[in-house]
PDB file of N, CA and C in Angstrom:
ATOM      1  N   MET A   1       0.831  -1.179  -0.264  1.00  0.00           N
ATOM      2  CA  MET A   1       0.312   0.155  -0.104  1.00  0.00           C
ATOM      3  C   MET A   1       1.301   1.522   0.438  1.00  0.00           C
ATOM      4  N   ASN A   2       0.572   2.429  -0.705  1.00  0.00           N
ATOM      5  CA  ASN A   2       1.403   3.462  -0.268  1.00  0.00           C
ATOM      6  C   ASN A   2       0.705   4.224   0.012  1.00  0.00           C
ATOM      7  N   PRO A   3       2.178   4.872   0.665  1.00  0.00           N
ATOM      8  CA  PRO A   3       2.072   5.976   1.677  1.00  0.00           C
ATOM      9  C   PRO A   3       0.490   7.174   1.252  1.00  0.00           C
ATOM     10  N   MET A   4       0.691   7.007   0.360  1.00  0.00           N
ATOM     11  CA  MET A   4      -0.915   8.394   0.310  1.00  0.00           C
ATOM     12  C   MET A   4      -1.516   7.325   0.621  1.00  0.00           C
ATOM     13  N   SER A   5      -2.105   6.256   0.495  1.00  0.00           N
ATOM     14  CA  SER A   5      -2.969   6.285   0.860  1.00  0.00           C
ATOM     15  C   SER A   5      -3.168   5.329   2.061  1.00  0.00           C
ATOM     16  N   ILE A   6      -2.179   5.272   2.528  1.00  0.00           N
ATOM     17  CA  ILE A   6      -1.943   4.569   3.660  1.00  0.00           C
ATOM     18  C   ILE A   6      -2.277   6.569   5.247  1.00  0.00           C
ATOM     19  N   MET A   7      -2.311   6.468   4.064  1.00  0.00           N
ATOM     20  CA  MET A   7      -2.211   8.188   4.845  1.00  0.00           C
ATOM     21  C   MET A   7      -4.353   8.542   4.722  1.00  0.00           C
ATOM     22  N   LYS A   8      -4.480   8.734   3.791  1.00  0.00           N
ATOM     23  CA  LYS A   8      -5.821   8.778   3.585  1.00  0.00           C
ATOM     24  C   LYS A   8      -6.828   7.442   4.767  1.00  0.00           C
ATOM     25  N   MET A   9      -6.586   6.599   4.589  1.00  0.00           N
ATOM     26  CA  MET A   9      -7.077   5.740   5.936  1.00  0.00           C
ATOM     27  C   MET A   9      -7.131   6.394   6.722  1.00  0.00           C
ATOM     28  N   MET A  10      -5.288   6.503   6.937  1.00  0.00           N
ATOM     29  CA  MET A  10      -5.501   7.019   8.892  1.00  0.00           C
ATOM     30  C   MET A  10      -6.579   8.336   8.699  1.00  0.00           C
ATOM     31  N   ASN A  11      -6.818   9.263   7.823  1.00  0.00           N
ATOM     32  CA  ASN A  11      -7.545  10.774   8.812  1.00  0.00           C
ATOM     33  C   ASN A  11      -9.065   9.558   7.885  1.00  0.00           C
ATOM     34  N   LEU A  12      -9.329   9.117   7.812  1.00  0.00           N
ATOM     35  CA  LEU A  12     -11.074   8.559   7.020  1.00  0.00           C
ATOM     36  C   LEU A  12     -11.045   7.822   8.583  1.00  0.00           C
ATOM     37  N   LYS A  13     -10.328   7.298   9.074  1.00  0.00           N
ATOM     38  CA  LYS A  13      -9.674   6.613  10.866  1.00  0.00           C
ATOM     39  C   LYS A  13     -10.638   7.600  11.386  1.00  0.00           C
ATOM     40  N   LYS A  14      -9.394   8.700  11.640  1.00  0.00           N
ATOM     41  CA  LYS A  14      -9.603   9.612  12.120  1.00  0.00           C
ATOM     42  C   LYS A  14     -11.334  10.533  12.870  1.00  0.00           C
ATOM     43  N   GLN A  15     -11.076  10.572  11.125  1.00  0.00           N
ATOM     44  CA  GLN A  15     -13.402  11.297  11.084  1.00  0.00           C
ATOM     45  C   GLN A  15     -13.585  10.918  11.420  1.00  0.00           C
ATOM     46  N   PHE A  16     -13.587   9.624  10.847  1.00  0.00           N
ATOM     47  CA  PHE A  16     -14.916   7.751  11.514  1.00  0.00           C
ATOM     48  C   PHE A  16     -15.096   8.470  13.310  1.00  0.00           C
ATOM     49  N   GLU A  17     -13.846   7.922  13.820  1.00  0.00           N
ATOM     50  CA  GLU A  17     -14.120   8.308  15.359  1.00  0.00           C
ATOM     51  C   GLU A  17     -14.370   8.759  16.454  1.00  0.00           C
ATOM     52  N   THR A  18     -14.439  10.397  15.193  1.00  0.00           N
ATOM     53  CA  THR A  18     -15.045  11.426  16.221  1.00  0.00           C
ATOM     54  C   THR A  18     -16.046  11.577  16.065  1.00  0.00           C
ATOM     55  N   ASN A  19     -17.168  10.890  14.456  1.00  0.00           N
ATOM     56  CA  ASN A  19     -18.081  10.829  14.136  1.00  0.00           C
ATOM     57  C   ASN A  19     -19.482   9.721  14.379  1.00  0.00           C
ATOM     58  N   HIS A  20     -17.932   8.777  15.453  1.00  0.00           N
ATOM     59  CA  HIS A  20     -19.214   7.982  16.375  1.00  0.00           C
ATOM     60  C   HIS A  20     -18.220   7.420  17.243  1.00  0.00           C
ATOM     61  N   PRO A  21     -18.165   7.827  17.854  1.00  0.00           N
ATOM     62  CA  PRO A  21     -17.054   8.099  19.397  1.00  0.00           C
ATOM     63  C   PRO A  21     -17.254   6.502  19.764  1.00  0.00           C
ATOM     64  N   LYS A  22     -19.358   6.511  20.347  1.00  0.00           N
ATOM     65  CA  LYS A  22     -19.211   5.249  21.090  1.00  0.00           C
ATOM     66  C   LYS A  22     -19.249   4.035  20.261  1.00  0.00           C
ATOM     67  N   PHE A  23     -19.496   4.163  19.403  1.00  0.00           N
ATOM     68  CA  PHE A  23     -19.230   2.601  18.008  1.00  0.00           C
ATOM     69  C   PHE A  23     -17.462   2.765  17.978  1.00  0.00           C
ATOM     70  N   ALA A  24     -16.832   3.529  17.856  1.00  0.00           N
ATOM     71  CA  ALA A  24     -15.297   3.107  18.264  1.00  0.00           C
ATOM     72  C   ALA A  24     -14.861   2.774  19.501  1.00  0.00           C
ATOM     73  N   ALA A  25     -15.537   2.818  20.416  1.00  0.00           N
ATOM     74  CA  ALA A  25     -14.432   2.697  21.319  1.00  0.00           C
ATOM     75  C   ALA A  25     -15.733   1.215  21.760  1.00  0.00           C
ATOM     76  N   PHE A  26     -16.492   1.173  21.371  1.00  0.00           N
ATOM     77  CA  PHE A  26     -16.981  -0.449  21.221  1.00  0.00           C
ATOM     78  C   PHE A  26     -16.335  -1.587  20.570  1.00  0.00           C
ATOM     79  N   PHE A  27     -16.060  -1.324  19.088  1.00  0.00           N
ATOM     80  CA  PHE A  27     -15.466  -1.944  18.424  1.00  0.00           C
ATOM     81  C   PHE A  27     -14.108  -1.998  19.198  1.00  0.00           C
ATOM     82  N   GLN A  28     -13.480  -1.104  19.340  1.00  0.00           N
ATOM     83  CA  GLN A  28     -11.715  -1.695  20.044  1.00  0.00           C
ATOM     84  C   GLN A  28     -11.480  -2.434  21.351  1.00  0.00           C
ATOM     85  N   ASN A  29     -12.645  -1.965  22.401  1.00  0.00           N
ATOM     86  CA  ASN A  29     -12.996  -2.591  23.116  1.00  0.00           C
ATOM     87  C   ASN A  29     -13.597  -4.715  22.856  1.00  0.00           C
ATOM     88  N   VAL A  30     -14.306  -4.303  21.656  1.00  0.00           N
ATOM     89  CA  VAL A  30     -14.310  -6.268  21.235  1.00  0.00           C
ATOM     90  C   VAL A  30     -13.307  -6.246  21.127  1.00  0.00           C
ATOM     91  N   MET A  31     -12.530  -5.697  19.502  1.00  0.00           N
ATOM     92  CA  MET A  31     -11.342  -5.964  18.916  1.00  0.00           C
ATOM     93  C   MET A  31      -9.973  -6.355  20.177  1.00  0.00           C
ATOM     94  N   GLY A  32     -10.116  -5.250  20.756  1.00  0.00           N
ATOM     95  CA  GLY A  32      -8.337  -5.701  21.652  1.00  0.00           C
ATOM     96  C   GLY A  32      -8.512  -6.617  22.548  1.00  0.00           C
ATOM     97  N   ARG A  33     -10.013  -7.978  22.545  1.00  0.00           N
ATOM     98  CA  ARG A  33      -9.719  -9.398  23.543  1.00  0.00           C
ATOM     99  C   ARG A  33      -9.742  -9.434  22.178  1.00  0.00           C
ATOM    100  N   LYS A  34      -8.724 -10.972  22.312  1.00  0.00           N
ATOM    101  CA  LYS A  34      -8.515 -12.007  20.923  1.00  0.00           C
ATOM    102  C   LYS A  34      -9.800 -12.736  20.728  1.00  0.00           C
ATOM    103  N   ILE A  35     -10.307 -13.040  19.433  1.00  0.00           N
ATOM    104  CA  ILE A  35     -11.787 -13.304  18.843  1.00  0.00           C
ATOM    105  C   ILE A  35     -11.139 -15.064  18.987  1.00  0.00           C
ATOM    106  N   GLU A  36     -12.099 -15.907  19.506  1.00  0.00           N
ATOM    107  CA  GLU A  36     -11.904 -17.232  19.171  1.00  0.00           C
ATOM    108  C   GLU A  36     -12.669 -17.892  18.913  1.00  0.00           C
ATOM    109  N   VAL A  37     -12.077 -19.206  17.967  1.00  0.00           N
ATOM    110  CA  VAL A  37     -13.274 -20.337  17.561  1.00  0.00           C
ATOM    111  C   VAL A  37     -14.330 -19.793  18.130  1.00  0.00           C
ATOM    112  N   GLY A  38     -15.691 -20.664  17.525  1.00  0.00           N
ATOM    113  CA  GLY A  38     -16.445 -20.261  18.146  1.00  0.00           C
ATOM    114  C   GLY A  38     -17.773 -18.894  18.375  1.00  0.00           C
ATOM    115  N   THR A  39     -15.973 -18.186  18.754  1.00  0.00           N
ATOM    116  CA  THR A  39     -17.167 -16.534  18.689  1.00  0.00           C
ATOM    117  C   THR A  39     -18.620 -16.685  17.641  1.00  0.00           C
ATOM    118  N   VAL A  40     -19.596 -15.839  18.359  1.00  0.00           N
ATOM    119  CA  VAL A  40     -20.741 -15.627  18.024  1.00  0.00           C
ATOM    120  C   VAL A  40     -20.470 -13.628  17.131  1.00  0.00           C
ATOM    121  N   ILE A  41     -20.093 -13.350  15.624  1.00  0.00           N
ATOM    122  CA  ILE A  41     -20.217 -11.974  15.419  1.00  0.00           C
ATOM    123  C   ILE A  41     -22.291 -12.234  14.434  1.00  0.00           C
ATOM    124  N   GLU A  42     -22.175 -10.633  15.174  1.00  0.00           N
ATOM    125  CA  GLU A  42     -23.512 -10.277  14.327  1.00  0.00           C
ATOM    126  C   GLU A  42     -23.627  -9.253  13.970  1.00  0.00           C
ATOM    127  N   ILE A  43     -24.844  -8.560  13.203  1.00  0.00           N
ATOM    128  CA  ILE A  43     -24.879  -7.709  12.303  1.00  0.00           C
ATOM    129  C   ILE A  43     -26.087  -7.091  12.115  1.00  0.00           C
ATOM    130  N   SER A  44     -26.531  -5.940  12.035  1.00  0.00           N
ATOM    131  CA  SER A  44     -27.717  -5.202  11.989  1.00  0.00           C
ATOM    132  C   SER A  44     -27.705  -3.807  11.284  1.00  0.00           C
ATOM    133  N   VAL A  45     -28.257  -4.062   9.820  1.00  0.00           N
ATOM    134  CA  VAL A  45     -28.622  -2.598   9.058  1.00  0.00           C
ATOM    135  C   VAL A  45     -30.244  -2.226   9.307  1.00  0.00           C
ATOM    136  N   CYS A  46     -30.041  -1.313   9.374  1.00  0.00           N
ATOM    137  CA  CYS A  46     -31.458  -0.336   9.745  1.00  0.00           C
ATOM    138  C   CYS A  46     -31.524   0.494   9.026  1.00  0.00           C
ATOM    139  N   ARG A  47     -32.477   0.497   7.961  1.00  0.00           N
ATOM    140  CA  ARG A  47     -32.699   2.155   6.695  1.00  0.00           C
ATOM    141  C   ARG A  47     -33.780   2.433   7.383  1.00  0.00           C
ATOM    142  N   PRO A  48     -33.386   4.336   7.052  1.00  0.00           N
ATOM    143  CA  PRO A  48     -34.964   4.314   7.221  1.00  0.00           C
ATOM    144  C   PRO A  48     -35.768   4.301   6.333  1.00  0.00           C
ATOM    145  N   GLY A  49     -36.928   3.853   6.840  1.00  0.00           N
ATOM    146  CA  GLY A  49     -38.358   3.369   6.645  1.00  0.00           C
ATOM    147  C   GLY A  49     -38.445   1.696   6.806  1.00  0.00           C
ATOM    148  N   GLU A  50     -36.966   0.887   7.180  1.00  0.00           N
ATOM    149  CA  GLU A  50     -37.345  -0.099   6.269  1.00  0.00           C
ATOM    150  C   GLU A  50     -36.609  -1.134   7.427  1.00  0.00           C
ATOM    151  N   GLU A  51     -37.118  -2.732   7.681  1.00  0.00           N
ATOM    152  CA  GLU A  51     -37.565  -2.850   8.295  1.00  0.00           C
ATOM    153  C   GLU A  51     -35.343  -3.431   8.524  1.00  0.00           C
ATOM    154  N   PRO A  52     -35.503  -4.425   9.680  1.00  0.00           N
ATOM    155  CA  PRO A  52     -33.500  -3.697  10.140  1.00  0.00           C
ATOM    156  C   PRO A  52     -33.155  -5.728   8.908  1.00  0.00           C
ATOM    157  N   VAL A  53     -32.182  -5.582   8.762  1.00  0.00           N
ATOM    158  CA  VAL A  53     -31.706  -6.706   8.222  1.00  0.00           C
ATOM    159  C   VAL A  53     -30.411  -7.605   8.953  1.00  0.00           C
ATOM    160  N   ARG A  54     -30.540  -8.676   9.630  1.00  0.00           N
ATOM    161  CA  ARG A  54     -29.267  -8.755  10.474  1.00  0.00           C
ATOM    162  C   ARG A  54     -29.157 -10.322   9.556  1.00  0.00           C
ATOM    163  N   THR A  55     -27.561 -10.315  10.076  1.00  0.00           N
ATOM    164  CA  THR A  55     -27.166 -11.715   9.875  1.00  0.00           C
ATOM    165  C   THR A  55     -26.319 -11.940  10.962  1.00  0.00           C
ATOM    166  N   ASN A  56     -25.371 -13.362  11.241  1.00  0.00           N
ATOM    167  CA  ASN A  56     -23.945 -13.692  11.927  1.00  0.00           C
ATOM    168  C   ASN A  56     -23.416 -14.192  11.794  1.00  0.00           C
ATOM    169  N   MET A  57     -22.463 -14.561  11.904  1.00  0.00           N
ATOM    170  CA  MET A  57     -21.313 -15.636  10.986  1.00  0.00           C
ATOM    171  C   MET A  57     -20.689 -16.196  13.038  1.00  0.00           C
ATOM    172  N   ARG A  58     -20.539 -17.888  13.172  1.00  0.00           N
ATOM    173  CA  ARG A  58     -19.798 -18.276  13.981  1.00  0.00           C
ATOM    174  C   ARG A  58     -17.918 -18.082  13.714  1.00  0.00           C
ATOM    175  N   VAL A  59     -17.313 -17.972  14.087  1.00  0.00           N
ATOM    176  CA  VAL A  59     -15.782 -17.278  14.533  1.00  0.00           C
ATOM    177  C   VAL A  59     -15.281 -19.357  13.923  1.00  0.00           C
ATOM    178  N   THR A  60     -14.920 -19.550  12.421  1.00  0.00           N
ATOM    179  CA  THR A  60     -14.414 -20.630  12.163  1.00  0.00           C
ATOM    180  C   THR A  60     -12.489 -20.696  12.708  1.00  0.00           C
ATOM    181  N   GLU A  61     -11.507 -21.648  12.185  1.00  0.00           N
ATOM    182  CA  GLU A  61     -10.164 -21.222  12.408  1.00  0.00           C
ATOM    183  C   GLU A  61      -9.414 -20.548  11.015  1.00  0.00           C
ATOM    184  N   SER A  62     -10.515 -21.030  10.275  1.00  0.00           N
ATOM    185  CA  SER A  62      -9.712 -20.364   9.017  1.00  0.00           C
ATOM    186  C   SER A  62     -10.290 -18.605   8.650  1.00  0.00           C
ATOM    187  N   ASP A  63     -10.992 -18.713   9.860  1.00  0.00           N
ATOM    188  CA  ASP A  63     -11.481 -16.642   9.622  1.00  0.00           C
ATOM    189  C   ASP A  63     -10.444 -15.779  11.087  1.00  0.00           C
ATOM    190  N   LEU A  64      -9.717 -17.237  11.518  1.00  0.00           N
ATOM    191  CA  LEU A  64      -8.964 -16.161  12.312  1.00  0.00           C
ATOM    192  C   LEU A  64      -8.010 -15.371  11.898  1.00  0.00           C
ATOM    193  N   GLU A  65      -6.375 -15.861  10.889  1.00  0.00           N
ATOM    194  CA  GLU A  65      -6.220 -15.184  10.413  1.00  0.00           C
ATOM    195  C   GLU A  65      -6.948 -13.806   9.354  1.00  0.00           C
ATOM    196  N   LEU A  66      -8.014 -13.693   9.161  1.00  0.00           N
ATOM    197  CA  LEU A  66      -7.947 -12.264   8.558  1.00  0.00           C
ATOM    198  C   LEU A  66      -8.529 -11.563   9.427  1.00  0.00           C
ATOM    199  N   ILE A  67      -9.577 -12.278  10.412  1.00  0.00           N
ATOM    200  CA  ILE A  67      -9.513 -11.316  11.220  1.00  0.00           C
ATOM    201  C   ILE A  67      -8.289 -10.339  12.001  1.00  0.00           C
ATOM    202  N   GLU A  68      -6.896 -11.233  12.447  1.00  0.00           N
ATOM    203  CA  GLU A  68      -6.323 -10.949  13.022  1.00  0.00           C
ATOM    204  C   GLU A  68      -5.642  -8.791  12.325  1.00  0.00           C
ATOM    205  N   GLN A  69      -5.606  -9.471  10.672  1.00  0.00           N
ATOM    206  CA  GLN A  69      -4.955  -8.803   9.686  1.00  0.00           C
ATOM    207  C   GLN A  69      -6.226  -7.220   9.220  1.00  0.00           C
ATOM    208  N   LEU A  70      -7.432  -7.857   9.865  1.00  0.00           N
ATOM    209  CA  LEU A  70      -7.896  -6.518  10.384  1.00  0.00           C
ATOM    210  C   LEU A  70      -8.182  -5.768  11.565  1.00  0.00           C
ATOM    211  N   LYS A  71      -7.453  -6.265  12.172  1.00  0.00           N
ATOM    212  CA  LYS A  71      -6.950  -5.484  13.372  1.00  0.00           C
ATOM    213  C   LYS A  71      -6.044  -4.685  13.265  1.00  0.00           C
ATOM    214  N   GLU A  72      -5.107  -4.919  12.762  1.00  0.00           N
ATOM    215  CA  GLU A  72      -3.538  -4.904  12.284  1.00  0.00           C
ATOM    216  C   GLU A  72      -3.981  -3.422  11.619  1.00  0.00           C
ATOM    217  N   LEU A  73      -4.690  -3.813  10.370  1.00  0.00           N
ATOM    218  CA  LEU A  73      -4.924  -2.570   9.326  1.00  0.00           C
ATOM    219  C   LEU A  73      -6.081  -1.471  10.236  1.00  0.00           C
ATOM    220  N   GLY A  74      -6.722  -2.160  11.391  1.00  0.00           N
ATOM    221  CA  GLY A  74      -7.095  -0.761  12.269  1.00  0.00           C
ATOM    222  C   GLY A  74      -6.382  -0.061  12.960  1.00  0.00           C
ATOM    223  N   GLN A  75      -5.492  -0.717  13.520  1.00  0.00           N
ATOM    224  CA  GLN A  75      -4.356   0.226  14.191  1.00  0.00           C
ATOM    225  C   GLN A  75      -3.376   1.532  13.888  1.00  0.00           C
TER     226      GLN A  75
END
């Protein structure tokens, strides 16, 4: 990844944390601990005027490397 892209991502992350401090703190708390096989991750999206859409996944051994890479990217 080139340095300009990294700087842009860091600025976007900082702006996101400013706009959504509770979500950012929640995410840091959850991702600050090790995610283990069997952990269930759930997400819900609620658009204005629509019913929420929800899904979840149970973390498998093969998911752990991706999760660790995402955690490193976010730091």
